[in-house]
Amino acid sequence: MMALLAVLAFSSSALAIGDGKALMYGGAGQGKVIFDGKVHASKGMVCTDCHMTIFQTKKKALITMDDHGADKACFVCHNGKKAFNDCDQCHRKF
């Protein structure tokens, strides 16, 4: 039982990004996508604003081109009205 609790405690902390870190996703041919928790936190957002409502708490992004024009995933906010929707703001070539 203690071993199970230790594994759960470690795995949940390992998945937490916090507001001071950034994640990089594949981004297909458009360039890597950067999610910067610090930038979002500076806008007054907290993790639960998106997680458990828009996203599950997993470090993987399965966003399609069709999602870019829909009211889901990042585009709930990044729709050009609430937040920018300029491709180059998220997709970067390294």
PDB file of N, CA and C in Angstrom:
ATOM      1  N   MET A   1       0.822  -1.196   0.000  1.00  0.00           N
ATOM      2  CA  MET A   1       0.000   0.000   0.000  1.00  0.00           C
ATOM      3  C   MET A   1       0.866   1.260   0.000  1.00  0.00           C
ATOM      4  N   MET A   2       1.912   1.276   0.829  1.00  0.00           N
ATOM      5  CA  MET A   2       2.795   2.449   0.887  1.00  0.00           C
ATOM      6  C   MET A   2       3.505   2.668  -0.449  1.00  0.00           C
ATOM      7  N   ALA A   3       3.891   1.561  -1.095  1.00  0.00           N
ATOM      8  CA  ALA A   3       4.556   1.676  -2.394  1.00  0.00           C
ATOM      9  C   ALA A   3       3.629   2.306  -3.420  1.00  0.00           C
ATOM     10  N   LEU A   4       2.353   1.922  -3.401  1.00  0.00           N
ATOM     11  CA  LEU A   4       1.373   2.489  -4.328  1.00  0.00           C
ATOM     12  C   LEU A   4       1.202   3.984  -4.080  1.00  0.00           C
ATOM     13  N   LEU A   5       1.121   4.389  -2.832  1.00  0.00           N
ATOM     14  CA  LEU A   5       1.003   5.813  -2.501  1.00  0.00           C
ATOM     15  C   LEU A   5       2.229   6.597  -2.952  1.00  0.00           C
ATOM     16  N   ALA A   6       3.401   6.015  -2.795  1.00  0.00           N
ATOM     17  CA  ALA A   6       4.633   6.674  -3.223  1.00  0.00           C
ATOM     18  C   ALA A   6       4.649   6.858  -4.736  1.00  0.00           C
ATOM     19  N   VAL A   7       4.229   5.828  -5.474  1.00  0.00           N
ATOM     20  CA  VAL A   7       4.178   5.921  -6.939  1.00  0.00           C
ATOM     21  C   VAL A   7       3.183   6.991  -7.369  1.00  0.00           C
ATOM     22  N   LEU A   8       2.021   7.017  -6.755  1.00  0.00           N
ATOM     23  CA  LEU A   8       1.021   8.025  -7.105  1.00  0.00           C
ATOM     24  C   LEU A   8       1.504   9.431  -6.788  1.00  0.00           C
ATOM     25  N   ALA A   9       2.142   9.605  -5.654  1.00  0.00           N
ATOM     26  CA  ALA A   9       2.653  10.929  -5.283  1.00  0.00           C
ATOM     27  C   ALA A   9       3.719  11.390  -6.261  1.00  0.00           C
ATOM     28  N   PHE A  10       4.640  10.503  -6.629  1.00  0.00           N
ATOM     29  CA  PHE A  10       5.696  10.870  -7.567  1.00  0.00           C
ATOM     30  C   PHE A  10       5.138  11.166  -8.945  1.00  0.00           C
ATOM     31  N   SER A  11       4.232  10.335  -9.433  1.00  0.00           N
ATOM     32  CA  SER A  11       3.713  10.518 -10.788  1.00  0.00           C
ATOM     33  C   SER A  11       2.897  11.790 -10.898  1.00  0.00           C
ATOM     34  N   SER A  12       2.145  12.149  -9.874  1.00  0.00           N
ATOM     35  CA  SER A  12       1.358  13.374  -9.977  1.00  0.00           C
ATOM     36  C   SER A  12       2.251  14.599  -9.945  1.00  0.00           C
ATOM     37  N   SER A  13       3.330  14.577  -9.164  1.00  0.00           N
ATOM     38  CA  SER A  13       4.223  15.730  -9.142  1.00  0.00           C
ATOM     39  C   SER A  13       5.049  15.799 -10.419  1.00  0.00           C
ATOM     40  N   ALA A  14       5.344  14.658 -11.014  1.00  0.00           N
ATOM     41  CA  ALA A  14       6.110  14.651 -12.255  1.00  0.00           C
ATOM     42  C   ALA A  14       5.294  15.215 -13.403  1.00  0.00           C
ATOM     43  N   LEU A  15       3.978  15.102 -13.336  1.00  0.00           N
ATOM     44  CA  LEU A  15       3.139  15.614 -14.414  1.00  0.00           C
ATOM     45  C   LEU A  15       2.793  17.088 -14.241  1.00  0.00           C
ATOM     46  N   ALA A  16       3.016  17.637 -13.080  1.00  0.00           N
ATOM     47  CA  ALA A  16       2.657  19.036 -12.831  1.00  0.00           C
ATOM     48  C   ALA A  16       3.660  19.948 -13.510  1.00  0.00           C
ATOM     49  N   ILE A  17       3.179  20.891 -14.301  1.00  0.00           N
ATOM     50  CA  ILE A  17       4.067  21.823 -14.996  1.00  0.00           C
ATOM     51  C   ILE A  17       4.254  23.090 -14.185  1.00  0.00           C
ATOM     52  N   GLY A  18       3.245  23.534 -13.478  1.00  0.00           N
ATOM     53  CA  GLY A  18       3.354  24.762 -12.714  1.00  0.00           C
ATOM     54  C   GLY A  18       3.351  25.984 -13.610  1.00  0.00           C
ATOM     55  N   ASP A  19       3.412  27.150 -12.993  1.00  0.00           N
ATOM     56  CA  ASP A  19       3.328  28.380 -13.779  1.00  0.00           C
ATOM     57  C   ASP A  19       4.689  28.932 -14.167  1.00  0.00           C
ATOM     58  N   GLY A  20       5.759  28.222 -13.879  1.00  0.00           N
ATOM     59  CA  GLY A  20       7.082  28.741 -14.193  1.00  0.00           C
ATOM     60  C   GLY A  20       7.831  27.932 -15.219  1.00  0.00           C
ATOM     61  N   LYS A  21       7.176  27.007 -15.879  1.00  0.00           N
ATOM     62  CA  LYS A  21       7.857  26.134 -16.822  1.00  0.00           C
ATOM     63  C   LYS A  21       7.196  26.194 -18.192  1.00  0.00           C
ATOM     64  N   ALA A  22       7.889  25.627 -19.157  1.00  0.00           N
ATOM     65  CA  ALA A  22       7.360  25.571 -20.517  1.00  0.00           C
ATOM     66  C   ALA A  22       7.405  24.140 -21.021  1.00  0.00           C
ATOM     67  N   LEU A  23       6.470  23.816 -21.887  1.00  0.00           N
ATOM     68  CA  LEU A  23       6.424  22.516 -22.556  1.00  0.00           C
ATOM     69  C   LEU A  23       6.593  22.741 -24.050  1.00  0.00           C
ATOM     70  N   MET A  24       7.216  21.781 -24.722  1.00  0.00           N
ATOM     71  CA  MET A  24       7.371  21.859 -26.163  1.00  0.00           C
ATOM     72  C   MET A  24       6.712  20.636 -26.785  1.00  0.00           C
ATOM     73  N   TYR A  25       5.881  20.878 -27.786  1.00  0.00           N
ATOM     74  CA  TYR A  25       5.182  19.813 -28.500  1.00  0.00           C
ATOM     75  C   TYR A  25       5.651  19.786 -29.945  1.00  0.00           C
ATOM     76  N   GLY A  26       5.397  18.682 -30.627  1.00  0.00           N
ATOM     77  CA  GLY A  26       5.876  18.459 -31.994  1.00  0.00           C
ATOM     78  C   GLY A  26       5.484  19.516 -32.999  1.00  0.00           C
ATOM     79  N   GLY A  27       4.210  19.840 -33.090  1.00  0.00           N
ATOM     80  CA  GLY A  27       3.764  20.883 -34.010  1.00  0.00           C
ATOM     81  C   GLY A  27       3.772  20.511 -35.471  1.00  0.00           C
ATOM     82  N   ALA A  28       3.992  19.248 -35.784  1.00  0.00           N
ATOM     83  CA  ALA A  28       4.014  18.755 -37.159  1.00  0.00           C
ATOM     84  C   ALA A  28       4.985  19.569 -38.000  1.00  0.00           C
ATOM     85  N   GLY A  29       4.658  19.853 -39.243  1.00  0.00           N
ATOM     86  CA  GLY A  29       5.557  20.581 -40.134  1.00  0.00           C
ATOM     87  C   GLY A  29       5.554  22.081 -39.920  1.00  0.00           C
ATOM     88  N   GLN A  30       4.699  22.566 -39.040  1.00  0.00           N
ATOM     89  CA  GLN A  30       4.574  24.002 -38.827  1.00  0.00           C
ATOM     90  C   GLN A  30       5.600  24.554 -37.839  1.00  0.00           C
ATOM     91  N   GLY A  31       6.326  23.690 -37.185  1.00  0.00           N
ATOM     92  CA  GLY A  31       7.288  24.111 -36.169  1.00  0.00           C
ATOM     93  C   GLY A  31       6.791  23.709 -34.800  1.00  0.00           C
ATOM     94  N   LYS A  32       7.693  23.588 -33.870  1.00  0.00           N
ATOM     95  CA  LYS A  32       7.355  23.151 -32.516  1.00  0.00           C
ATOM     96  C   LYS A  32       6.417  24.142 -31.844  1.00  0.00           C
ATOM     97  N   VAL A  33       5.515  23.611 -31.008  1.00  0.00           N
ATOM     98  CA  VAL A  33       4.567  24.445 -30.262  1.00  0.00           C
ATOM     99  C   VAL A  33       5.070  24.548 -28.830  1.00  0.00           C
ATOM    100  N   ILE A  34       5.160  25.769 -28.351  1.00  0.00           N
ATOM    101  CA  ILE A  34       5.613  26.040 -26.993  1.00  0.00           C
ATOM    102  C   ILE A  34       4.407  26.420 -26.152  1.00  0.00           C
ATOM    103  N   PHE A  35       4.235  25.744 -25.003  1.00  0.00           N
ATOM    104  CA  PHE A  35       3.267  26.187 -24.004  1.00  0.00           C
ATOM    105  C   PHE A  35       4.076  26.705 -22.826  1.00  0.00           C
ATOM    106  N   ASP A  36       3.918  27.985 -22.522  1.00  0.00           N
ATOM    107  CA  ASP A  36       4.656  28.616 -21.441  1.00  0.00           C
ATOM    108  C   ASP A  36       3.709  28.913 -20.284  1.00  0.00           C
ATOM    109  N   GLY A  37       3.820  28.126 -19.214  1.00  0.00           N
ATOM    110  CA  GLY A  37       2.976  28.311 -18.044  1.00  0.00           C
ATOM    111  C   GLY A  37       3.158  29.671 -17.404  1.00  0.00           C
ATOM    112  N   LYS A  38       4.373  30.207 -17.454  1.00  0.00           N
ATOM    113  CA  LYS A  38       4.658  31.514 -16.850  1.00  0.00           C
ATOM    114  C   LYS A  38       3.896  32.631 -17.562  1.00  0.00           C
ATOM    115  N   VAL A  39       3.843  32.561 -18.872  1.00  0.00           N
ATOM    116  CA  VAL A  39       3.109  33.572 -19.645  1.00  0.00           C
ATOM    117  C   VAL A  39       1.622  33.512 -19.301  1.00  0.00           C
ATOM    118  N   HIS A  40       1.068  32.317 -19.250  1.00  0.00           N
ATOM    119  CA  HIS A  40      -0.353  32.179 -18.921  1.00  0.00           C
ATOM    120  C   HIS A  40      -0.627  32.669 -17.495  1.00  0.00           C
ATOM    121  N   ALA A  41       0.259  32.348 -16.563  1.00  0.00           N
ATOM    122  CA  ALA A  41       0.089  32.790 -15.173  1.00  0.00           C
ATOM    123  C   ALA A  41       0.169  34.317 -15.076  1.00  0.00           C
ATOM    124  N   SER A  42       1.016  34.930 -15.895  1.00  0.00           N
ATOM    125  CA  SER A  42       1.142  36.393 -15.863  1.00  0.00           C
ATOM    126  C   SER A  42      -0.134  37.084 -16.344  1.00  0.00           C
ATOM    127  N   LYS A  43      -0.968  36.341 -17.039  1.00  0.00           N
ATOM    128  CA  LYS A  43      -2.270  36.867 -17.501  1.00  0.00           C
ATOM    129  C   LYS A  43      -3.365  36.593 -16.478  1.00  0.00           C
ATOM    130  N   GLY A  44      -2.976  36.034 -15.303  1.00  0.00           N
ATOM    131  CA  GLY A  44      -3.936  35.775 -14.234  1.00  0.00           C
ATOM    132  C   GLY A  44      -4.579  34.403 -14.280  1.00  0.00           C
ATOM    133  N   MET A  45      -4.064  33.538 -15.132  1.00  0.00           N
ATOM    134  CA  MET A  45      -4.658  32.205 -15.260  1.00  0.00           C
ATOM    135  C   MET A  45      -4.034  31.246 -14.259  1.00  0.00           C
ATOM    136  N   VAL A  46      -4.805  30.264 -13.857  1.00  0.00           N
ATOM    137  CA  VAL A  46      -4.317  29.162 -13.027  1.00  0.00           C
ATOM    138  C   VAL A  46      -4.576  27.870 -13.790  1.00  0.00           C
ATOM    139  N   CYS A  47      -3.890  26.815 -13.395  1.00  0.00           N
ATOM    140  CA  CYS A  47      -3.942  25.540 -14.121  1.00  0.00           C
ATOM    141  C   CYS A  47      -5.373  25.051 -14.355  1.00  0.00           C
ATOM    142  N   THR A  48      -6.213  25.174 -13.334  1.00  0.00           N
ATOM    143  CA  THR A  48      -7.575  24.645 -13.438  1.00  0.00           C
ATOM    144  C   THR A  48      -8.476  25.467 -14.355  1.00  0.00           C
ATOM    145  N   ASP A  49      -8.004  26.613 -14.836  1.00  0.00           N
ATOM    146  CA  ASP A  49      -8.787  27.349 -15.836  1.00  0.00           C
ATOM    147  C   ASP A  49      -8.942  26.525 -17.105  1.00  0.00           C
ATOM    148  N   CYS A  50      -7.950  25.696 -17.397  1.00  0.00           N
ATOM    149  CA  CYS A  50      -7.992  24.870 -18.614  1.00  0.00           C
ATOM    150  C   CYS A  50      -8.069  23.382 -18.304  1.00  0.00           C
ATOM    151  N   HIS A  51      -7.278  22.961 -17.325  1.00  0.00           N
ATOM    152  CA  HIS A  51      -7.244  21.535 -17.012  1.00  0.00           C
ATOM    153  C   HIS A  51      -8.477  21.103 -16.249  1.00  0.00           C
ATOM    154  N   MET A  52      -8.954  19.947 -16.638  1.00  0.00           N
ATOM    155  CA  MET A  52     -10.164  19.319 -16.112  1.00  0.00           C
ATOM    156  C   MET A  52     -11.426  19.937 -16.715  1.00  0.00           C
ATOM    157  N   THR A  53     -11.292  20.975 -17.515  1.00  0.00           N
ATOM    158  CA  THR A  53     -12.438  21.520 -18.247  1.00  0.00           C
ATOM    159  C   THR A  53     -12.192  21.361 -19.747  1.00  0.00           C
ATOM    160  N   ILE A  54     -11.156  22.004 -20.256  1.00  0.00           N
ATOM    161  CA  ILE A  54     -10.821  21.919 -21.681  1.00  0.00           C
ATOM    162  C   ILE A  54      -9.905  20.727 -21.944  1.00  0.00           C
ATOM    163  N   PHE A  55      -8.895  20.549 -21.085  1.00  0.00           N
ATOM    164  CA  PHE A  55      -7.896  19.495 -21.235  1.00  0.00           C
ATOM    165  C   PHE A  55      -7.916  18.574 -20.027  1.00  0.00           C
ATOM    166  N   GLN A  56      -7.515  17.343 -20.249  1.00  0.00           N
ATOM    167  CA  GLN A  56      -7.213  16.456 -19.136  1.00  0.00           C
ATOM    168  C   GLN A  56      -5.794  16.791 -18.688  1.00  0.00           C
ATOM    169  N   THR A  57      -5.391  16.331 -17.544  1.00  0.00           N
ATOM    170  CA  THR A  57      -4.058  16.670 -17.030  1.00  0.00           C
ATOM    171  C   THR A  57      -3.019  15.677 -17.512  1.00  0.00           C
ATOM    172  N   LYS A  58      -2.693  15.765 -18.783  1.00  0.00           N
ATOM    173  CA  LYS A  58      -1.667  14.916 -19.377  1.00  0.00           C
ATOM    174  C   LYS A  58      -0.784  15.785 -20.247  1.00  0.00           C
ATOM    175  N   LYS A  59       0.488  15.451 -20.305  1.00  0.00           N
ATOM    176  CA  LYS A  59       1.435  16.206 -21.117  1.00  0.00           C
ATOM    177  C   LYS A  59       1.479  15.670 -22.534  1.00  0.00           C
ATOM    178  N   LYS A  60       0.350  15.679 -23.203  1.00  0.00           N
ATOM    179  CA  LYS A  60       0.367  15.321 -24.606  1.00  0.00           C
ATOM    180  C   LYS A  60      -0.707  16.142 -25.305  1.00  0.00           C
ATOM    181  N   ALA A  61      -0.389  16.564 -26.469  1.00  0.00           N
ATOM    182  CA  ALA A  61      -1.312  17.377 -27.234  1.00  0.00           C
ATOM    183  C   ALA A  61      -1.689  16.613 -28.487  1.00  0.00           C
ATOM    184  N   LEU A  62      -2.945  16.338 -28.616  1.00  0.00           N
ATOM    185  CA  LEU A  62      -3.445  15.662 -29.802  1.00  0.00           C
ATOM    186  C   LEU A  62      -4.399  16.611 -30.510  1.00  0.00           C
ATOM    187  N   ILE A  63      -3.843  17.678 -31.046  1.00  0.00           N
ATOM    188  CA  ILE A  63      -4.633  18.723 -31.676  1.00  0.00           C
ATOM    189  C   ILE A  63      -4.445  18.617 -33.187  1.00  0.00           C
ATOM    190  N   THR A  64      -5.550  18.598 -33.894  1.00  0.00           N
ATOM    191  CA  THR A  64      -5.512  18.482 -35.358  1.00  0.00           C
ATOM    192  C   THR A  64      -5.688  19.848 -36.006  1.00  0.00           C
ATOM    193  N   MET A  65      -5.477  19.907 -37.295  1.00  0.00           N
ATOM    194  CA  MET A  65      -5.720  21.160 -38.036  1.00  0.00           C
ATOM    195  C   MET A  65      -7.192  21.552 -37.950  1.00  0.00           C
ATOM    196  N   ASP A  66      -8.089  20.569 -37.957  1.00  0.00           N
ATOM    197  CA  ASP A  66      -9.518  20.869 -37.830  1.00  0.00           C
ATOM    198  C   ASP A  66      -9.827  21.542 -36.497  1.00  0.00           C
ATOM    199  N   ASP A  67      -9.097  21.160 -35.434  1.00  0.00           N
ATOM    200  CA  ASP A  67      -9.299  21.778 -34.120  1.00  0.00           C
ATOM    201  C   ASP A  67      -8.993  23.271 -34.142  1.00  0.00           C
ATOM    202  N   HIS A  68      -8.096  23.699 -35.030  1.00  0.00           N
ATOM    203  CA  HIS A  68      -7.702  25.105 -35.077  1.00  0.00           C
ATOM    204  C   HIS A  68      -8.879  26.027 -35.392  1.00  0.00           C
ATOM    205  N   GLY A  69      -9.849  25.536 -36.097  1.00  0.00           N
ATOM    206  CA  GLY A  69     -11.017  26.346 -36.443  1.00  0.00           C
ATOM    207  C   GLY A  69     -12.228  26.055 -35.571  1.00  0.00           C
ATOM    208  N   ALA A  70     -12.048  25.244 -34.563  1.00  0.00           N
ATOM    209  CA  ALA A  70     -13.167  24.837 -33.703  1.00  0.00           C
ATOM    210  C   ALA A  70     -13.030  25.472 -32.323  1.00  0.00           C
ATOM    211  N   ASP A  71     -14.099  25.430 -31.579  1.00  0.00           N
ATOM    212  CA  ASP A  71     -14.117  25.978 -30.222  1.00  0.00           C
ATOM    213  C   ASP A  71     -13.743  24.880 -29.233  1.00  0.00           C
ATOM    214  N   LYS A  72     -12.497  24.369 -29.386  1.00  0.00           N
ATOM    215  CA  LYS A  72     -12.022  23.335 -28.468  1.00  0.00           C
ATOM    216  C   LYS A  72     -10.516  23.427 -28.358  1.00  0.00           C
ATOM    217  N   ALA A  73      -9.964  22.709 -27.402  1.00  0.00           N
ATOM    218  CA  ALA A  73      -8.531  22.717 -27.105  1.00  0.00           C
ATOM    219  C   ALA A  73      -8.060  24.157 -26.876  1.00  0.00           C
ATOM    220  N   CYS A  74      -6.900  24.495 -27.349  1.00  0.00           N
ATOM    221  CA  CYS A  74      -6.334  25.836 -27.136  1.00  0.00           C
ATOM    222  C   CYS A  74      -7.237  26.935 -27.697  1.00  0.00           C
ATOM    223  N   PHE A  75      -8.041  26.573 -28.674  1.00  0.00           N
ATOM    224  CA  PHE A  75      -8.809  27.549 -29.440  1.00  0.00           C
ATOM    225  C   PHE A  75     -10.098  27.987 -28.752  1.00  0.00           C
ATOM    226  N   VAL A  76     -10.357  27.450 -27.568  1.00  0.00           N
ATOM    227  CA  VAL A  76     -11.434  27.992 -26.738  1.00  0.00           C
ATOM    228  C   VAL A  76     -11.085  29.437 -26.408  1.00  0.00           C
ATOM    229  N   CYS A  77      -9.815  29.695 -26.122  1.00  0.00           N
ATOM    230  CA  CYS A  77      -9.350  31.062 -25.842  1.00  0.00           C
ATOM    231  C   CYS A  77      -8.623  31.674 -27.034  1.00  0.00           C
ATOM    232  N   HIS A  78      -7.773  30.897 -27.689  1.00  0.00           N
ATOM    233  CA  HIS A  78      -6.967  31.417 -28.800  1.00  0.00           C
ATOM    234  C   HIS A  78      -7.800  31.412 -30.079  1.00  0.00           C
ATOM    235  N   ASN A  79      -8.783  32.296 -30.099  1.00  0.00           N
ATOM    236  CA  ASN A  79      -9.728  32.391 -31.210  1.00  0.00           C
ATOM    237  C   ASN A  79      -9.653  33.727 -31.940  1.00  0.00           C
ATOM    238  N   GLY A  80      -8.688  34.562 -31.567  1.00  0.00           N
ATOM    239  CA  GLY A  80      -8.547  35.871 -32.190  1.00  0.00           C
ATOM    240  C   GLY A  80      -9.371  36.944 -31.506  1.00  0.00           C
ATOM    241  N   LYS A  81     -10.216  36.566 -30.577  1.00  0.00           N
ATOM    242  CA  LYS A  81     -11.030  37.529 -29.821  1.00  0.00           C
ATOM    243  C   LYS A  81     -10.550  37.595 -28.370  1.00  0.00           C
ATOM    244  N   LYS A  82     -10.556  36.462 -27.705  1.00  0.00           N
ATOM    245  CA  LYS A  82     -10.121  36.419 -26.305  1.00  0.00           C
ATOM    246  C   LYS A  82      -8.590  36.441 -26.211  1.00  0.00           C
ATOM    247  N   ALA A  83      -7.929  35.719 -27.084  1.00  0.00           N
ATOM    248  CA  ALA A  83      -6.464  35.672 -27.145  1.00  0.00           C
ATOM    249  C   ALA A  83      -6.048  35.513 -28.608  1.00  0.00           C
ATOM    250  N   PHE A  84      -4.791  35.829 -28.879  1.00  0.00           N
ATOM    251  CA  PHE A  84      -4.284  35.773 -30.259  1.00  0.00           C
ATOM    252  C   PHE A  84      -4.504  34.399 -30.882  1.00  0.00           C
ATOM    253  N   ASN A  85      -4.564  34.380 -32.200  1.00  0.00           N
ATOM    254  CA  ASN A  85      -4.590  33.106 -32.931  1.00  0.00           C
ATOM    255  C   ASN A  85      -3.624  33.133 -34.109  1.00  0.00           C
ATOM    256  N   ASP A  86      -2.550  33.860 -33.939  1.00  0.00           N
ATOM    257  CA  ASP A  86      -1.492  33.962 -34.941  1.00  0.00           C
ATOM    258  C   ASP A  86      -0.599  32.720 -34.857  1.00  0.00           C
ATOM    259  N   CYS A  87      -0.468  31.990 -35.934  1.00  0.00           N
ATOM    260  CA  CYS A  87       0.285  30.726 -35.960  1.00  0.00           C
ATOM    261  C   CYS A  87       1.694  30.876 -35.386  1.00  0.00           C
ATOM    262  N   ASP A  88       2.393  31.957 -35.777  1.00  0.00           N
ATOM    263  CA  ASP A  88       3.789  32.139 -35.381  1.00  0.00           C
ATOM    264  C   ASP A  88       3.973  32.417 -33.893  1.00  0.00           C
ATOM    265  N   GLN A  89       2.912  32.736 -33.190  1.00  0.00           N
ATOM    266  CA  GLN A  89       3.004  32.945 -31.749  1.00  0.00           C
ATOM    267  C   GLN A  89       3.234  31.629 -31.014  1.00  0.00           C
ATOM    268  N   CYS A  90       2.729  30.523 -31.558  1.00  0.00           N
ATOM    269  CA  CYS A  90       2.856  29.207 -30.919  1.00  0.00           C
ATOM    270  C   CYS A  90       3.831  28.302 -31.649  1.00  0.00           C
ATOM    271  N   HIS A  91       3.761  28.288 -32.977  1.00  0.00           N
ATOM    272  CA  HIS A  91       4.618  27.411 -33.781  1.00  0.00           C
ATOM    273  C   HIS A  91       5.932  28.112 -34.063  1.00  0.00           C
ATOM    274  N   ARG A  92       7.046  27.454 -33.692  1.00  0.00           N
ATOM    275  CA  ARG A  92       8.359  28.040 -33.895  1.00  0.00           C
ATOM    276  C   ARG A  92       9.297  27.012 -34.495  1.00  0.00           C
ATOM    277  N   LYS A  93      10.078  27.449 -35.452  1.00  0.00           N
ATOM    278  CA  LYS A  93      11.080  26.565 -36.080  1.00  0.00           C
ATOM    279  C   LYS A  93      12.382  26.702 -35.279  1.00  0.00           C
ATOM    280  N   PHE A  94      12.950  25.564 -34.914  1.00  0.00           N
ATOM    281  CA  PHE A  94      14.219  25.550 -34.157  1.00  0.00           C
ATOM    282  C   PHE A  94      15.291  24.920 -34.990  1.00  0.00           C
TER     283      PHE A  94
END
